[in-house]
N, C-alpha and C. Protein backbone atom coordinates (compact mmCIF):
# COMPACT_ATOMS: atom_id res chain seq x y z
N MET A 1 -18.54 -6.17 0.06
CA MET A 1 -18.41 -7.49 -0.51
C MET A 1 -16.47 -7.34 -0.04
N GLN A 2 -15.73 -8.37 0.00
CA GLN A 2 -14.27 -8.25 0.06
C GLN A 2 -13.14 -7.54 -1.23
N ARG A 3 -12.67 -7.31 -0.65
CA ARG A 3 -11.19 -6.18 -1.98
C ARG A 3 -9.88 -7.22 -1.83
N GLU A 4 -10.15 -7.07 -3.09
CA GLU A 4 -9.18 -7.96 -3.55
C GLU A 4 -7.32 -6.60 -3.35
N VAL A 5 -6.35 -7.18 -2.21
CA VAL A 5 -5.49 -6.73 -1.28
C VAL A 5 -3.61 -7.11 -2.41
N ARG A 6 -3.54 -6.51 -2.97
CA ARG A 6 -1.82 -7.27 -3.25
C ARG A 6 -0.73 -6.50 -3.60
N LEU A 7 0.24 -6.81 -3.82
CA LEU A 7 1.17 -5.99 -3.44
C LEU A 7 1.75 -5.92 -5.22
N ALA A 8 2.27 -4.42 -5.49
CA ALA A 8 2.71 -3.77 -6.61
C ALA A 8 3.93 -4.85 -6.86
N ASP A 9 4.62 -5.20 -7.95
CA ASP A 9 5.28 -5.89 -8.45
C ASP A 9 6.44 -5.34 -7.92
N GLU A 10 7.07 -4.32 -7.06
CA GLU A 10 8.19 -3.36 -7.08
C GLU A 10 8.10 -3.56 -5.32
N PHE A 11 7.32 -3.58 -5.41
CA PHE A 11 7.12 -3.13 -2.93
C PHE A 11 6.99 -4.62 -3.03
N ASP A 12 7.38 -6.44 -3.92
CA ASP A 12 6.92 -6.88 -3.12
C ASP A 12 8.97 -7.35 -2.53
N PRO A 13 9.51 -7.20 -2.78
CA PRO A 13 11.35 -7.20 -2.56
C PRO A 13 11.16 -6.15 -0.73
N GLU A 14 10.46 -5.07 -1.16
CA GLU A 14 10.66 -4.45 0.19
C GLU A 14 10.22 -4.87 0.98
N PHE A 15 8.73 -5.45 1.14
CA PHE A 15 7.81 -5.62 1.98
C PHE A 15 8.82 -7.43 2.50
N ASP A 16 9.10 -8.64 1.69
CA ASP A 16 10.40 -8.75 2.28
C ASP A 16 10.96 -8.27 3.28
N GLU A 17 11.99 -7.16 3.20
CA GLU A 17 12.99 -6.98 4.10
C GLU A 17 12.13 -5.82 5.26
N LEU A 18 11.28 -5.32 5.57
CA LEU A 18 10.68 -5.00 6.36
C LEU A 18 10.32 -5.26 7.87
N PRO A 19 10.80 -5.16 8.50
CA PRO A 19 10.50 -6.00 10.28
C PRO A 19 9.62 -6.99 10.30
N GLU A 20 9.48 -7.85 10.75
CA GLU A 20 8.24 -8.78 10.87
C GLU A 20 7.66 -7.91 11.56
N ILE A 21 7.60 -7.35 12.85
CA ILE A 21 6.61 -7.27 13.55
C ILE A 21 6.16 -5.87 12.47
N VAL A 22 6.64 -5.41 11.84
CA VAL A 22 5.94 -4.16 10.58
C VAL A 22 5.67 -5.20 9.37
N GLN A 23 6.23 -6.15 9.09
CA GLN A 23 5.31 -6.67 8.25
C GLN A 23 3.28 -7.07 8.78
N ASP A 24 3.72 -7.29 10.65
CA ASP A 24 2.11 -8.18 10.70
C ASP A 24 0.83 -7.36 10.95
N GLU A 25 1.87 -5.64 11.42
CA GLU A 25 0.86 -5.00 11.11
C GLU A 25 0.70 -4.47 10.11
N LEU A 26 1.60 -4.22 9.21
CA LEU A 26 0.81 -3.52 7.16
C LEU A 26 0.12 -5.13 7.34
N LEU A 27 -0.01 -6.72 7.11
CA LEU A 27 -0.56 -7.19 6.50
C LEU A 27 -2.05 -6.97 7.88
N ALA A 28 -1.91 -6.27 9.06
CA ALA A 28 -3.75 -6.78 9.72
C ALA A 28 -4.44 -4.73 9.15
N ARG A 29 -3.95 -3.89 8.86
CA ARG A 29 -4.45 -2.79 7.81
C ARG A 29 -4.98 -3.53 6.16
N ALA A 30 -4.43 -4.46 5.74
CA ALA A 30 -4.78 -5.00 4.73
C ALA A 30 -5.68 -5.71 5.01
N LYS A 31 -5.72 -6.31 5.98
CA LYS A 31 -7.20 -7.26 6.40
C LYS A 31 -8.51 -6.68 6.05
N LEU A 32 -8.09 -5.49 7.52
CA LEU A 32 -9.02 -4.67 7.19
C LEU A 32 -9.52 -3.71 4.97
N LEU A 33 -8.28 -3.47 4.89
CA LEU A 33 -8.37 -2.52 4.06
C LEU A 33 -9.57 -3.96 2.46
N GLU A 34 -8.46 -4.93 3.02
CA GLU A 34 -9.47 -5.72 2.29
C GLU A 34 -11.88 -6.00 1.89
N ALA A 35 -11.23 -5.95 3.94
CA ALA A 35 -13.25 -5.66 4.23
C ALA A 35 -13.78 -4.85 4.07
N PHE A 36 -13.02 -3.38 3.95
CA PHE A 36 -13.67 -2.13 3.51
C PHE A 36 -13.02 -1.25 2.36
N GLY A 37 -12.81 -1.66 1.70
CA GLY A 37 -11.91 -0.95 0.26
C GLY A 37 -12.07 0.18 1.10
N PRO A 38 -12.22 0.78 -0.74
CA PRO A 38 -12.81 2.36 -0.48
C PRO A 38 -13.33 3.70 0.69
N GLU A 39 -13.77 2.81 1.76
CA GLU A 39 -14.76 2.72 2.50
C GLU A 39 -13.84 3.19 3.52
N LEU A 40 -12.54 2.43 4.17
CA LEU A 40 -11.40 2.24 4.85
C LEU A 40 -11.30 3.80 5.60
N GLY A 41 -10.99 4.17 5.75
CA GLY A 41 -10.80 5.54 6.92
C GLY A 41 -9.76 5.88 8.18
N ARG A 42 -9.45 7.11 8.15
CA ARG A 42 -8.69 6.82 9.86
C ARG A 42 -9.57 6.48 11.00
N PRO A 43 -8.69 5.73 12.02
CA PRO A 43 -7.64 6.06 11.49
C PRO A 43 -6.85 5.36 11.17
N HIS A 44 -6.97 4.10 10.40
CA HIS A 44 -5.94 3.44 9.76
C HIS A 44 -5.93 3.78 7.99
N ALA A 45 -6.50 4.59 7.41
CA ALA A 45 -5.96 5.11 5.37
C ALA A 45 -6.53 6.42 5.72
N ASP A 46 -6.09 7.24 4.25
CA ASP A 46 -6.10 7.81 4.56
C ASP A 46 -6.67 8.43 3.27
N THR A 47 -6.15 9.65 2.35
CA THR A 47 -6.21 10.29 0.95
C THR A 47 -4.85 11.00 1.20
N LEU A 48 -3.89 10.80 0.54
CA LEU A 48 -2.56 11.73 -0.32
C LEU A 48 -3.44 12.32 -0.73
N ASN A 49 -3.31 13.93 -0.60
CA ASN A 49 -3.82 14.96 -1.10
C ASN A 49 -3.07 15.67 -2.03
N ALA A 50 -1.19 15.27 -1.52
CA ALA A 50 -0.45 16.28 -2.97
C ALA A 50 -0.39 15.02 -3.54
N SER A 51 -1.40 14.24 -4.19
CA SER A 51 -0.84 12.84 -4.78
C SER A 51 -1.81 13.73 -6.36
N ARG A 52 -1.37 13.62 -7.41
CA ARG A 52 -2.38 13.74 -8.86
C ARG A 52 -2.78 12.86 -8.39
N HIS A 53 -2.96 11.71 -8.60
CA HIS A 53 -3.74 10.85 -8.96
C HIS A 53 -4.61 10.89 -8.07
N PRO A 54 -6.39 10.85 -7.80
CA PRO A 54 -6.87 10.87 -6.91
C PRO A 54 -7.73 10.11 -6.25
N ASN A 55 -7.04 8.30 -6.62
CA ASN A 55 -6.81 7.15 -6.27
C ASN A 55 -6.36 6.36 -5.20
N MET A 56 -5.24 7.68 -4.49
CA MET A 56 -3.75 7.75 -4.45
C MET A 56 -4.28 7.80 -2.44
N LYS A 57 -3.93 6.57 -1.97
CA LYS A 57 -4.67 6.74 -0.46
C LYS A 57 -2.89 5.79 -0.24
N GLU A 58 -3.82 5.85 1.79
CA GLU A 58 -2.45 5.64 2.53
C GLU A 58 -2.64 4.98 3.45
N LEU A 59 -2.02 3.74 3.59
CA LEU A 59 -2.74 2.74 5.42
C LEU A 59 -1.08 3.67 6.36
N ARG A 60 -2.02 3.45 7.78
CA ARG A 60 -1.63 4.41 8.88
C ARG A 60 -1.58 3.48 9.96
N PHE A 61 -0.43 3.91 10.20
CA PHE A 61 0.29 2.02 11.70
C PHE A 61 1.18 2.37 11.99
N ASN A 62 1.25 2.33 13.55
CA ASN A 62 2.53 2.91 14.84
C ASN A 62 2.93 1.16 14.39
N ALA A 63 4.73 0.73 14.18
CA ALA A 63 4.78 -0.74 14.85
C ALA A 63 6.49 -0.41 14.87
N ASP A 64 7.49 -1.21 15.82
CA ASP A 64 8.06 -1.22 16.04
C ASP A 64 9.41 0.20 16.05
N ASP A 65 8.48 1.31 17.13
CA ASP A 65 9.27 2.57 17.22
C ASP A 65 8.73 3.31 16.06
N GLY A 66 8.38 3.24 14.88
CA GLY A 66 8.11 3.81 14.13
C GLY A 66 7.15 4.12 13.41
N VAL A 67 6.27 5.45 12.65
CA VAL A 67 4.80 5.93 12.13
C VAL A 67 4.79 5.37 10.81
N TRP A 68 4.56 4.46 10.55
CA TRP A 68 4.56 3.67 9.10
C TRP A 68 3.38 4.57 8.28
N ARG A 69 3.47 4.44 7.24
CA ARG A 69 2.51 4.87 6.37
C ARG A 69 3.14 4.02 4.85
N VAL A 70 1.94 3.60 4.35
CA VAL A 70 2.07 2.66 3.11
C VAL A 70 1.45 3.26 1.72
N ALA A 71 1.53 3.40 1.01
CA ALA A 71 1.25 4.18 -0.50
C ALA A 71 0.60 2.99 -0.83
N PHE A 72 -0.50 3.10 -1.57
CA PHE A 72 -1.43 2.41 -1.98
C PHE A 72 -2.53 2.98 -3.08
N ALA A 73 -2.73 2.57 -4.01
CA ALA A 73 -3.94 2.88 -4.80
C ALA A 73 -5.17 2.17 -6.01
N PHE A 74 -6.11 1.98 -6.23
CA PHE A 74 -6.89 0.92 -6.59
C PHE A 74 -6.75 1.01 -7.93
N ASP A 75 -6.60 -0.43 -8.80
CA ASP A 75 -6.32 -0.44 -10.15
C ASP A 75 -8.13 -0.34 -10.66
N PRO A 76 -7.85 -0.12 -11.87
CA PRO A 76 -9.50 -0.09 -12.81
C PRO A 76 -10.58 -0.98 -12.20
N ASP A 77 -9.77 -2.58 -12.17
CA ASP A 77 -10.71 -3.69 -11.99
C ASP A 77 -10.89 -3.06 -10.10
N ARG A 78 -10.43 -2.42 -9.30
CA ARG A 78 -10.57 -1.74 -7.71
C ARG A 78 -10.46 -2.50 -7.28
N ALA A 79 -8.88 -3.53 -7.11
CA ALA A 79 -8.09 -3.81 -6.60
C ALA A 79 -6.90 -3.01 -5.58
N ALA A 80 -7.28 -3.25 -4.85
CA ALA A 80 -6.09 -2.37 -4.15
C ALA A 80 -4.27 -2.45 -4.34
N ILE A 81 -3.63 -2.03 -4.54
CA ILE A 81 -2.28 -2.24 -4.80
C ILE A 81 -1.30 -1.66 -4.15
N LEU A 82 -0.67 -1.89 -2.96
CA LEU A 82 0.20 -1.54 -2.25
C LEU A 82 1.17 -1.34 -2.86
N LEU A 83 1.77 -0.44 -3.36
CA LEU A 83 2.27 0.30 -3.37
C LEU A 83 4.61 0.73 -2.49
N VAL A 84 4.32 1.26 -1.98
CA VAL A 84 5.52 1.64 -1.30
C VAL A 84 5.34 2.08 0.22
N ALA A 85 5.86 1.13 0.97
CA ALA A 85 6.32 1.59 2.58
C ALA A 85 7.28 2.54 2.72
N ALA A 86 6.99 3.16 4.40
CA ALA A 86 7.79 4.40 4.75
C ALA A 86 7.89 4.87 6.08
N ASP A 87 8.72 5.17 7.00
CA ASP A 87 8.35 4.93 8.47
C ASP A 87 8.62 6.83 8.50
N LYS A 88 7.88 7.19 9.03
CA LYS A 88 7.20 8.67 8.97
C LYS A 88 7.54 9.12 10.44
N ALA A 89 8.60 9.03 11.11
CA ALA A 89 9.41 9.01 12.45
C ALA A 89 10.38 9.42 12.36
N GLY A 90 10.72 10.98 12.44
CA GLY A 90 11.71 11.47 12.67
C GLY A 90 11.80 12.50 11.29
N VAL A 91 11.09 12.72 10.23
CA VAL A 91 11.55 13.12 9.08
C VAL A 91 10.41 14.69 8.81
N LYS A 92 11.01 15.64 8.48
CA LYS A 92 9.60 16.75 8.48
C LYS A 92 8.51 16.23 6.93
N GLU A 93 7.44 16.33 8.04
CA GLU A 93 6.67 15.54 7.24
C GLU A 93 6.21 16.76 5.63
N ARG A 94 6.20 17.00 5.42
CA ARG A 94 6.30 17.81 3.78
C ARG A 94 7.85 16.60 3.00
N ARG A 95 8.62 17.15 3.70
CA ARG A 95 9.35 16.13 2.89
C ARG A 95 9.81 14.69 2.52
N PHE A 96 8.76 13.62 4.11
CA PHE A 96 8.31 12.54 4.03
C PHE A 96 7.63 12.42 2.79
N TYR A 97 6.26 12.97 3.04
CA TYR A 97 5.25 12.66 2.44
C TYR A 97 5.61 13.45 0.60
N ARG A 98 6.35 14.16 0.02
CA ARG A 98 6.97 14.69 -1.45
C ARG A 98 7.83 13.00 -2.02
N ARG A 99 8.46 11.89 -0.62
CA ARG A 99 9.46 11.25 -1.57
C ARG A 99 8.28 10.09 -1.58
N LEU A 100 7.53 10.08 -1.22
CA LEU A 100 6.54 9.17 -0.72
C LEU A 100 5.77 8.86 -1.51
N ILE A 101 4.56 9.78 -2.19
CA ILE A 101 4.26 10.11 -3.06
C ILE A 101 5.55 9.72 -4.87
N LYS A 102 6.24 10.02 -4.45
CA LYS A 102 7.33 10.37 -5.95
C LYS A 102 7.28 8.56 -6.21
N LEU A 103 7.94 8.22 -4.75
CA LEU A 103 8.02 6.59 -5.84
C LEU A 103 6.16 5.64 -5.31
N ALA A 104 6.01 6.69 -4.96
CA ALA A 104 3.93 5.88 -5.17
C ALA A 104 3.78 5.83 -6.82
N VAL A 105 4.15 7.33 -7.04
CA VAL A 105 3.79 7.48 -8.31
C VAL A 105 4.32 6.69 -9.85
N SER A 106 5.96 6.81 -9.58
CA SER A 106 6.10 5.75 -10.15
C SER A 106 5.61 4.53 -10.40
N ASP A 107 5.84 3.61 -9.38
CA ASP A 107 5.45 2.37 -9.00
C ASP A 107 3.31 1.85 -10.02
N SER A 108 2.59 3.37 -9.52
CA SER A 108 1.57 3.08 -9.87
C SER A 108 1.23 3.23 -11.46
N THR A 109 2.20 3.97 -11.72
CA THR A 109 2.25 4.32 -13.04
C THR A 109 1.80 2.31 -14.16
N ASN A 110 2.50 1.73 -13.14
CA ASN A 110 3.20 0.73 -13.91
C ASN A 110 1.21 -1.09 -13.40
N ILE A 111 0.79 -0.27 -12.35
CA ILE A 111 -0.88 -0.76 -11.94
C ILE A 111 -1.38 -1.68 -13.09
N CYS A 112 -2.25 -0.57 -14.01
CA CYS A 112 -2.69 -1.01 -15.46
C CYS A 112 -1.41 -2.19 -16.10
N LYS A 113 -0.48 -2.36 -16.01
CA LYS A 113 0.12 -2.58 -17.14
C LYS A 113 0.10 -3.81 -16.44
N GLU A 114 0.17 -4.16 -14.89
CA GLU A 114 0.57 -5.11 -14.14
C GLU A 114 -0.54 -6.06 -14.38
N ARG A 115 -1.51 -5.34 -14.30
CA ARG A 115 -3.09 -5.65 -13.89
C ARG A 115 -3.48 -6.14 -15.85
N SER A 116 -2.82 -5.83 -16.87
CA SER A 116 -3.30 -7.22 -17.94
C SER A 116 -2.02 -7.85 -18.16
N ASP A 117 -1.21 -7.64 -18.07
CA ASP A 117 0.04 -8.38 -17.45
C ASP A 117 -0.36 -10.52 -16.68
N HIS A 118 -0.69 -9.45 -15.73
CA HIS A 118 -0.84 -10.58 -14.57
C HIS A 118 -2.47 -11.80 -14.92
N GLY A 119 -3.22 -10.25 -14.26
CA GLY A 119 -4.69 -10.97 -14.67
C GLY A 119 -4.88 -11.53 -13.38
N LYS A 120 -4.71 -12.57 -12.91
CA LYS A 120 -4.75 -13.05 -11.45
C LYS A 120 -3.36 -13.43 -10.78
N ASN A 121 -3.87 -13.33 -9.59
CA ASN A 121 -2.33 -13.52 -8.47
C ASN A 121 -1.60 -14.22 -9.27
N THR A 122 -0.04 -13.80 -9.01
CA THR A 122 1.01 -14.64 -8.93
C THR A 122 0.77 -15.68 -7.79
N ASP A 123 2.10 -16.36 -7.85
CA ASP A 123 2.54 -17.43 -6.56
C ASP A 123 1.83 -16.43 -5.80
N ARG A 124 3.33 -15.09 -5.03
CA ARG A 124 3.70 -14.65 -4.29
C ARG A 124 2.05 -14.21 -3.53
N GLN A 125 1.54 -13.38 -4.22
CA GLN A 125 0.71 -12.70 -4.67
C GLN A 125 -0.83 -13.35 -3.73
N ALA A 126 -0.67 -14.88 -4.01
CA ALA A 126 -1.40 -15.49 -3.33
C ALA A 126 -1.32 -15.90 -2.34
N GLU A 127 0.05 -16.33 -1.72
CA GLU A 127 0.21 -16.21 -0.75
C GLU A 127 0.37 -14.88 0.71
N PHE A 128 0.68 -13.88 -0.46
CA PHE A 128 0.51 -12.60 0.69
C PHE A 128 -1.18 -12.47 0.74
N ALA A 129 -2.41 -12.65 0.22
CA ALA A 129 -3.12 -13.18 0.23
C ALA A 129 -3.70 -13.81 1.61
N ALA A 130 -3.51 -15.52 1.18
CA ALA A 130 -3.58 -16.37 2.06
C ALA A 130 -3.45 -15.80 3.89
N ARG A 131 -1.90 -14.76 3.56
CA ARG A 131 -1.72 -14.09 5.45
C ARG A 131 -3.11 -13.61 5.97
């Protein structure tokens, strides 16, 4: 069963600012997430253990000389919501994950609200899903 994968409203402008090669790799991992859902594991995804949210995970990939992580969580309808992306290259691991999780948790508090407000994909979400 395929899962819905979408961008959090807060992540949408950030995604547009990522280098094209990073966008392409992120979309490739999003397709895997769509196909495998919560069962997607290493090396493509992993759990963010330091997060207080049990469903907080990360997509993992290398692109554009960077070591990229994209925090995501599953909403109550089991759709995967991509929350925030960051390049881990050259950053101390503990500091990197503290910052990534802080940003992701801030965005994830809106997941339930977004779902109830929007229900269905916006035009931008449909465009993302079509990639």
